[in-house]
Structures are given as C-alpha cells and as structure tokens.
C-alpha cells in the first residue's frame, strides 16, 4: 500500500520545498498518466500555497523588527 502523503500544513518550509522538488522531478521524468499527473499537480499546488503562507509569515515577522533587533508580537 502506498504511503499517504502528510498534510502540507504540518510540514516546515524545507520539508514542503523538498517534496515539491521531488514532485517536479517525477512529473518531468515519468508523469505516469493523466490521473496521476493531475493528482501530483494538486499536491504540488497545496505545497506551493503552504510555502507561500510560511514565507508571508516570515516576511511579516522580519518587517516587525524593532530598532533594538527584537521582534514585535503580532498581539501588540
């Protein structure tokens, strides 16, 4: 039985990016038919969306750096 992929939401950025790289490589080398390609595309889209959320969050934290180098809490 094939291993069920973990939810993209539980992955850190590096894990999601590594899986996305593998999906791209697999699609380029052996797509394995339309249905499999569509499934892989959907998974890739979910991974991209998750990576973008993580990057947006990191950008927000960086933009909130105060002059003393600390990061402001989002709750403030």
PDB file of N, CA and C in Angstrom:
ATOM      1  N   UNK A   1       0.846  -1.171   0.000  1.00  0.00           N
ATOM      2  CA  UNK A   1       0.000   0.000   0.000  1.00  0.00           C
ATOM      3  C   UNK A   1       0.893   1.236   0.000  1.00  0.00           C
ATOM      4  N   UNK A   2       0.535   2.254  -0.808  1.00  0.00           N
ATOM      5  CA  UNK A   2       1.324   3.482  -0.899  1.00  0.00           C
ATOM      6  C   UNK A   2       1.183   4.293   0.382  1.00  0.00           C
ATOM      7  N   UNK A   3       2.280   4.922   0.747  1.00  0.00           N
ATOM      8  CA  UNK A   3       2.281   5.771   1.927  1.00  0.00           C
ATOM      9  C   UNK A   3       1.476   7.027   1.632  1.00  0.00           C
ATOM     10  N   UNK A   4       0.525   7.367   2.508  1.00  0.00           N
ATOM     11  CA  UNK A   4      -0.284   8.555   2.332  1.00  0.00           C
ATOM     12  C   UNK A   4       0.572   9.779   2.641  1.00  0.00           C
ATOM     13  N   UNK A   5       0.595  10.774   1.726  1.00  0.00           N
ATOM     14  CA  UNK A   5       1.411  11.957   1.996  1.00  0.00           C
ATOM     15  C   UNK A   5       0.875  12.725   3.197  1.00  0.00           C
ATOM     16  N   UNK A   6       1.797  13.285   3.966  1.00  0.00           N
ATOM     17  CA  UNK A   6       1.371  14.051   5.118  1.00  0.00           C
ATOM     18  C   UNK A   6       0.763  15.360   4.649  1.00  0.00           C
ATOM     19  N   UNK A   7      -0.061  15.927   5.496  1.00  0.00           N
ATOM     20  CA  UNK A   7      -0.676  17.198   5.176  1.00  0.00           C
ATOM     21  C   UNK A   7       0.407  18.253   5.014  1.00  0.00           C
ATOM     22  N   UNK A   8       0.290  19.053   3.990  1.00  0.00           N
ATOM     23  CA  UNK A   8       1.258  20.127   3.768  1.00  0.00           C
ATOM     24  C   UNK A   8       1.277  21.066   4.967  1.00  0.00           C
ATOM     25  N   UNK A   9       0.166  21.232   5.621  1.00  0.00           N
ATOM     26  CA  UNK A   9       0.054  22.158   6.751  1.00  0.00           C
ATOM     27  C   UNK A   9       0.927  21.749   7.936  1.00  0.00           C
ATOM     28  N   UNK A  10       1.307  20.487   8.020  1.00  0.00           N
ATOM     29  CA  UNK A  10       2.131  20.031   9.143  1.00  0.00           C
ATOM     30  C   UNK A  10       3.620  20.094   8.837  1.00  0.00           C
ATOM     31  N   UNK A  11       3.963  20.444   7.594  1.00  0.00           N
ATOM     32  CA  UNK A  11       5.362  20.456   7.174  1.00  0.00           C
ATOM     33  C   UNK A  11       5.991  21.817   7.427  1.00  0.00           C
ATOM     34  N   UNK A  12       7.302  21.789   7.677  1.00  0.00           N
ATOM     35  CA  UNK A  12       8.003  23.063   7.696  1.00  0.00           C
ATOM     36  C   UNK A  12       8.350  23.420   6.256  1.00  0.00           C
ATOM     37  N   UNK A  13       8.909  24.606   6.060  1.00  0.00           N
ATOM     38  CA  UNK A  13       9.187  25.102   4.707  1.00  0.00           C
ATOM     39  C   UNK A  13      10.122  24.168   3.948  1.00  0.00           C
ATOM     40  N   UNK A  14      11.180  23.740   4.606  1.00  0.00           N
ATOM     41  CA  UNK A  14      12.173  22.901   3.940  1.00  0.00           C
ATOM     42  C   UNK A  14      11.594  21.556   3.513  1.00  0.00           C
ATOM     43  N   UNK A  15      10.753  20.972   4.355  1.00  0.00           N
ATOM     44  CA  UNK A  15      10.121  19.690   4.014  1.00  0.00           C
ATOM     45  C   UNK A  15       9.191  19.848   2.812  1.00  0.00           C
ATOM     46  N   UNK A  16       8.382  20.899   2.839  1.00  0.00           N
ATOM     47  CA  UNK A  16       7.434  21.125   1.744  1.00  0.00           C
ATOM     48  C   UNK A  16       8.173  21.407   0.438  1.00  0.00           C
ATOM     49  N   UNK A  17       9.232  22.184   0.513  1.00  0.00           N
ATOM     50  CA  UNK A  17      10.004  22.500  -0.685  1.00  0.00           C
ATOM     51  C   UNK A  17      10.694  21.258  -1.250  1.00  0.00           C
ATOM     52  N   UNK A  18      11.206  20.405  -0.375  1.00  0.00           N
ATOM     53  CA  UNK A  18      11.850  19.167  -0.820  1.00  0.00           C
ATOM     54  C   UNK A  18      10.838  18.259  -1.523  1.00  0.00           C
ATOM     55  N   UNK A  19       9.643  18.149  -0.957  1.00  0.00           N
ATOM     56  CA  UNK A  19       8.623  17.312  -1.601  1.00  0.00           C
ATOM     57  C   UNK A  19       8.202  17.925  -2.936  1.00  0.00           C
ATOM     58  N   UNK A  20       8.097  19.240  -2.988  1.00  0.00           N
ATOM     59  CA  UNK A  20       7.740  19.907  -4.226  1.00  0.00           C
ATOM     60  C   UNK A  20       8.809  19.664  -5.299  1.00  0.00           C
ATOM     61  N   UNK A  21      10.073  19.753  -4.916  1.00  0.00           N
ATOM     62  CA  UNK A  21      11.160  19.461  -5.860  1.00  0.00           C
ATOM     63  C   UNK A  21      11.055  18.043  -6.401  1.00  0.00           C
ATOM     64  N   UNK A  22      10.739  17.091  -5.529  1.00  0.00           N
ATOM     65  CA  UNK A  22      10.599  15.693  -5.949  1.00  0.00           C
ATOM     66  C   UNK A  22       9.408  15.533  -6.903  1.00  0.00           C
ATOM     67  N   UNK A  23       8.300  16.195  -6.578  1.00  0.00           N
ATOM     68  CA  UNK A  23       7.130  16.117  -7.459  1.00  0.00           C
ATOM     69  C   UNK A  23       7.454  16.652  -8.852  1.00  0.00           C
ATOM     70  N   UNK A  24       8.148  17.775  -8.902  1.00  0.00           N
ATOM     71  CA  UNK A  24       8.512  18.365 -10.189  1.00  0.00           C
ATOM     72  C   UNK A  24       9.393  17.402 -10.976  1.00  0.00           C
ATOM     73  N   UNK A  25      10.376  16.835 -10.305  1.00  0.00           N
ATOM     74  CA  UNK A  25      11.267  15.874 -10.958  1.00  0.00           C
ATOM     75  C   UNK A  25      10.487  14.669 -11.473  1.00  0.00           C
ATOM     76  N   UNK A  26       9.593  14.152 -10.643  1.00  0.00           N
ATOM     77  CA  UNK A  26       8.787  12.995 -11.050  1.00  0.00           C
ATOM     78  C   UNK A  26       7.912  13.323 -12.254  1.00  0.00           C
ATOM     79  N   UNK A  27       7.308  14.502 -12.253  1.00  0.00           N
ATOM     80  CA  UNK A  27       6.464  14.898 -13.382  1.00  0.00           C
ATOM     81  C   UNK A  27       7.276  15.056 -14.658  1.00  0.00           C
ATOM     82  N   UNK A  28       8.481  15.586 -14.528  1.00  0.00           N
ATOM     83  CA  UNK A  28       9.333  15.772 -15.699  1.00  0.00           C
ATOM     84  C   UNK A  28       9.834  14.445 -16.255  1.00  0.00           C
ATOM     85  N   UNK A  29      10.127  13.498 -15.380  1.00  0.00           N
ATOM     86  CA  UNK A  29      10.749  12.242 -15.805  1.00  0.00           C
ATOM     87  C   UNK A  29       9.763  11.139 -16.156  1.00  0.00           C
ATOM     88  N   UNK A  30       8.676  11.022 -15.406  1.00  0.00           N
ATOM     89  CA  UNK A  30       7.718   9.948 -15.654  1.00  0.00           C
ATOM     90  C   UNK A  30       6.366  10.332 -15.071  1.00  0.00           C
ATOM     91  N   UNK A  31       5.574  11.089 -15.816  1.00  0.00           N
ATOM     92  CA  UNK A  31       4.292  11.544 -15.279  1.00  0.00           C
ATOM     93  C   UNK A  31       3.318  10.411 -14.940  1.00  0.00           C
ATOM     94  N   UNK A  32       3.407   9.286 -15.619  1.00  0.00           N
ATOM     95  CA  UNK A  32       2.589   8.128 -15.270  1.00  0.00           C
ATOM     96  C   UNK A  32       1.118   8.244 -15.589  1.00  0.00           C
ATOM     97  N   UNK A  33       0.766   9.019 -16.560  1.00  0.00           N
ATOM     98  CA  UNK A  33      -0.629   9.106 -16.972  1.00  0.00           C
ATOM     99  C   UNK A  33      -1.313  10.358 -16.447  1.00  0.00           C
ATOM    100  N   UNK A  34      -2.431  10.653 -17.071  1.00  0.00           N
ATOM    101  CA  UNK A  34      -3.158  11.877 -16.774  1.00  0.00           C
ATOM    102  C   UNK A  34      -3.646  11.941 -15.327  1.00  0.00           C
ATOM    103  N   UNK A  35      -4.267  10.886 -14.848  1.00  0.00           N
ATOM    104  CA  UNK A  35      -4.824  10.908 -13.489  1.00  0.00           C
ATOM    105  C   UNK A  35      -3.724  11.118 -12.443  1.00  0.00           C
ATOM    106  N   UNK A  36      -2.624  10.406 -12.599  1.00  0.00           N
ATOM    107  CA  UNK A  36      -1.514  10.553 -11.659  1.00  0.00           C
ATOM    108  C   UNK A  36      -0.918  11.953 -11.757  1.00  0.00           C
ATOM    109  N   UNK A  37      -0.794  12.477 -12.970  1.00  0.00           N
ATOM    110  CA  UNK A  37      -0.250  13.820 -13.167  1.00  0.00           C
ATOM    111  C   UNK A  37      -1.127  14.875 -12.505  1.00  0.00           C
ATOM    112  N   UNK A  38      -2.431  14.730 -12.639  1.00  0.00           N
ATOM    113  CA  UNK A  38      -3.353  15.685 -12.019  1.00  0.00           C
ATOM    114  C   UNK A  38      -3.248  15.615 -10.497  1.00  0.00           C
ATOM    115  N   UNK A  39      -3.153  14.417  -9.961  1.00  0.00           N
ATOM    116  CA  UNK A  39      -3.001  14.253  -8.513  1.00  0.00           C
ATOM    117  C   UNK A  39      -1.708  14.893  -8.030  1.00  0.00           C
ATOM    118  N   UNK A  40      -0.648  14.672  -8.779  1.00  0.00           N
ATOM    119  CA  UNK A  40       0.639  15.266  -8.415  1.00  0.00           C
ATOM    120  C   UNK A  40       0.584  16.791  -8.522  1.00  0.00           C
ATOM    121  N   UNK A  41      -0.092  17.299  -9.542  1.00  0.00           N
ATOM    122  CA  UNK A  41      -0.247  18.737  -9.706  1.00  0.00           C
ATOM    123  C   UNK A  41      -1.006  19.332  -8.522  1.00  0.00           C
ATOM    124  N   UNK A  42      -2.086  18.677  -8.109  1.00  0.00           N
ATOM    125  CA  UNK A  42      -2.877  19.166  -6.974  1.00  0.00           C
ATOM    126  C   UNK A  42      -2.044  19.187  -5.695  1.00  0.00           C
ATOM    127  N   UNK A  43      -1.249  18.148  -5.489  1.00  0.00           N
ATOM    128  CA  UNK A  43      -0.372  18.099  -4.318  1.00  0.00           C
ATOM    129  C   UNK A  43       0.656  19.229  -4.382  1.00  0.00           C
ATOM    130  N   UNK A  44       1.217  19.429  -5.557  1.00  0.00           N
ATOM    131  CA  UNK A  44       2.185  20.500  -5.734  1.00  0.00           C
ATOM    132  C   UNK A  44       1.580  21.862  -5.451  1.00  0.00           C
ATOM    133  N   UNK A  45       0.363  22.066  -5.903  1.00  0.00           N
ATOM    134  CA  UNK A  45      -0.320  23.339  -5.656  1.00  0.00           C
ATOM    135  C   UNK A  45      -0.515  23.569  -4.165  1.00  0.00           C
ATOM    136  N   UNK A  46      -0.911  22.525  -3.433  1.00  0.00           N
ATOM    137  CA  UNK A  46      -1.083  22.641  -1.984  1.00  0.00           C
ATOM    138  C   UNK A  46       0.249  22.964  -1.302  1.00  0.00           C
ATOM    139  N   UNK A  47       1.320  22.345  -1.768  1.00  0.00           N
ATOM    140  CA  UNK A  47       2.647  22.607  -1.197  1.00  0.00           C
ATOM    141  C   UNK A  47       3.088  24.040  -1.471  1.00  0.00           C
ATOM    142  N   UNK A  48       2.844  24.526  -2.683  1.00  0.00           N
ATOM    143  CA  UNK A  48       3.198  25.907  -3.024  1.00  0.00           C
ATOM    144  C   UNK A  48       2.423  26.887  -2.156  1.00  0.00           C
ATOM    145  N   UNK A  49       1.135  26.649  -1.996  1.00  0.00           N
ATOM    146  CA  UNK A  49       0.315  27.539  -1.165  1.00  0.00           C
ATOM    147  C   UNK A  49       0.815  27.555   0.278  1.00  0.00           C
ATOM    148  N   UNK A  50       1.175  26.393   0.796  1.00  0.00           N
ATOM    149  CA  UNK A  50       1.682  26.307   2.167  1.00  0.00           C
ATOM    150  C   UNK A  50       3.024  27.038   2.285  1.00  0.00           C
ATOM    151  N   UNK A  51       3.913  26.832   1.328  1.00  0.00           N
ATOM    152  CA  UNK A  51       5.206  27.532   1.347  1.00  0.00           C
ATOM    153  C   UNK A  51       4.999  29.041   1.302  1.00  0.00           C
ATOM    154  N   UNK A  52       4.055  29.496   0.493  1.00  0.00           N
ATOM    155  CA  UNK A  52       3.800  30.930   0.396  1.00  0.00           C
ATOM    156  C   UNK A  52       3.295  31.487   1.720  1.00  0.00           C
ATOM    157  N   UNK A  53       2.425  30.733   2.407  1.00  0.00           N
ATOM    158  CA  UNK A  53       1.945  31.172   3.728  1.00  0.00           C
ATOM    159  C   UNK A  53       3.103  31.281   4.709  1.00  0.00           C
ATOM    160  N   UNK A  54       3.996  30.300   4.689  1.00  0.00           N
ATOM    161  CA  UNK A  54       5.144  30.338   5.591  1.00  0.00           C
ATOM    162  C   UNK A  54       6.059  31.515   5.271  1.00  0.00           C
ATOM    163  N   UNK A  55       6.283  31.773   3.988  1.00  0.00           N
ATOM    164  CA  UNK A  55       7.116  32.903   3.591  1.00  0.00           C
ATOM    165  C   UNK A  55       6.465  34.235   3.966  1.00  0.00           C
ATOM    166  N   UNK A  56       5.159  34.346   3.776  1.00  0.00           N
ATOM    167  CA  UNK A  56       4.447  35.566   4.153  1.00  0.00           C
ATOM    168  C   UNK A  56       4.555  35.817   5.654  1.00  0.00           C
ATOM    169  N   UNK A  57       4.427  34.758   6.427  1.00  0.00           N
ATOM    170  CA  UNK A  57       4.544  34.877   7.881  1.00  0.00           C
ATOM    171  C   UNK A  57       5.945  35.318   8.284  1.00  0.00           C
ATOM    172  N   UNK A  58       6.950  34.741   7.663  1.00  0.00           N
ATOM    173  CA  UNK A  58       8.332  35.116   7.964  1.00  0.00           C
ATOM    174  C   UNK A  58       8.591  36.564   7.559  1.00  0.00           C
ATOM    175  N   UNK A  59       8.056  36.974   6.431  1.00  0.00           N
ATOM    176  CA  UNK A  59       8.236  38.356   5.977  1.00  0.00           C
ATOM    177  C   UNK A  59       7.584  39.332   6.955  1.00  0.00           C
ATOM    178  N   UNK A  60       6.419  38.981   7.459  1.00  0.00           N
ATOM    179  CA  UNK A  60       5.738  39.825   8.429  1.00  0.00           C
ATOM    180  C   UNK A  60       6.576  39.975   9.700  1.00  0.00           C
ATOM    181  N   UNK A  61       7.139  38.881  10.171  1.00  0.00           N
ATOM    182  CA  UNK A  61       7.976  38.930  11.369  1.00  0.00           C
ATOM    183  C   UNK A  61       9.197  39.808  11.148  1.00  0.00           C
ATOM    184  N   UNK A  62       9.828  39.665   9.996  1.00  0.00           N
ATOM    185  CA  UNK A  62      11.017  40.463   9.694  1.00  0.00           C
ATOM    186  C   UNK A  62      10.648  41.941   9.612  1.00  0.00           C
ATOM    187  N   UNK A  63       9.507  42.243   9.006  1.00  0.00           N
ATOM    188  CA  UNK A  63       9.102  43.640   8.854  1.00  0.00           C
ATOM    189  C   UNK A  63       8.767  44.282  10.196  1.00  0.00           C
ATOM    190  N   UNK A  64       8.526  43.458  11.215  1.00  0.00           N
ATOM    191  CA  UNK A  64       8.196  43.977  12.534  1.00  0.00           C
ATOM    192  C   UNK A  64       9.414  44.100  13.449  1.00  0.00           C
ATOM    193  N   UNK A  65      10.580  43.921  12.880  1.00  0.00           N
ATOM    194  CA  UNK A  65      11.795  44.085  13.676  1.00  0.00           C
ATOM    195  C   UNK A  65      11.866  45.517  14.188  1.00  0.00           C
ATOM    196  N   UNK A  66      12.114  45.648  15.435  1.00  0.00           N
ATOM    197  CA  UNK A  66      12.257  46.973  16.025  1.00  0.00           C
ATOM    198  C   UNK A  66      13.719  47.389  15.968  1.00  0.00           C
ATOM    199  N   UNK A  67      13.973  48.625  16.240  1.00  0.00           N
ATOM    200  CA  UNK A  67      15.331  49.154  16.149  1.00  0.00           C
ATOM    201  C   UNK A  67      16.312  48.396  17.022  1.00  0.00           C
ATOM    202  N   UNK A  68      15.857  47.875  18.148  1.00  0.00           N
ATOM    203  CA  UNK A  68      16.761  47.160  19.038  1.00  0.00           C
ATOM    204  C   UNK A  68      16.972  45.713  18.617  1.00  0.00           C
ATOM    205  N   UNK A  69      16.361  45.302  17.507  1.00  0.00           N
ATOM    206  CA  UNK A  69      16.566  43.960  16.972  1.00  0.00           C
ATOM    207  C   UNK A  69      15.569  42.927  17.458  1.00  0.00           C
ATOM    208  N   UNK A  70      14.674  43.296  18.366  1.00  0.00           N
ATOM    209  CA  UNK A  70      13.670  42.332  18.812  1.00  0.00           C
ATOM    210  C   UNK A  70      12.495  42.340  17.837  1.00  0.00           C
ATOM    211  N   UNK A  71      11.708  41.321  17.913  1.00  0.00           N
ATOM    212  CA  UNK A  71      10.553  41.203  17.038  1.00  0.00           C
ATOM    213  C   UNK A  71       9.290  41.514  17.844  1.00  0.00           C
ATOM    214  N   UNK A  72       8.475  42.401  17.312  1.00  0.00           N
ATOM    215  CA  UNK A  72       7.231  42.735  17.972  1.00  0.00           C
ATOM    216  C   UNK A  72       6.264  41.568  17.876  1.00  0.00           C
ATOM    217  N   UNK A  73       5.508  41.355  18.909  1.00  0.00           N
ATOM    218  CA  UNK A  73       4.488  40.326  18.890  1.00  0.00           C
ATOM    219  C   UNK A  73       3.341  40.765  18.000  1.00  0.00           C
ATOM    220  N   UNK A  74       2.724  39.821  17.316  1.00  0.00           N
ATOM    221  CA  UNK A  74       1.575  40.149  16.491  1.00  0.00           C
ATOM    222  C   UNK A  74       0.395  40.589  17.345  1.00  0.00           C
ATOM    223  N   UNK A  75       0.404  40.231  18.640  1.00  0.00           N
ATOM    224  CA  UNK A  75      -0.695  40.562  19.530  1.00  0.00           C
ATOM    225  C   UNK A  75      -0.624  41.999  20.041  1.00  0.00           C
ATOM    226  N   UNK A  76       0.513  42.645  19.860  1.00  0.00           N
ATOM    227  CA  UNK A  76       0.664  44.005  20.388  1.00  0.00           C
ATOM    228  C   UNK A  76      -0.093  45.016  19.587  1.00  0.00           C
TER     229      UNK A  76
END
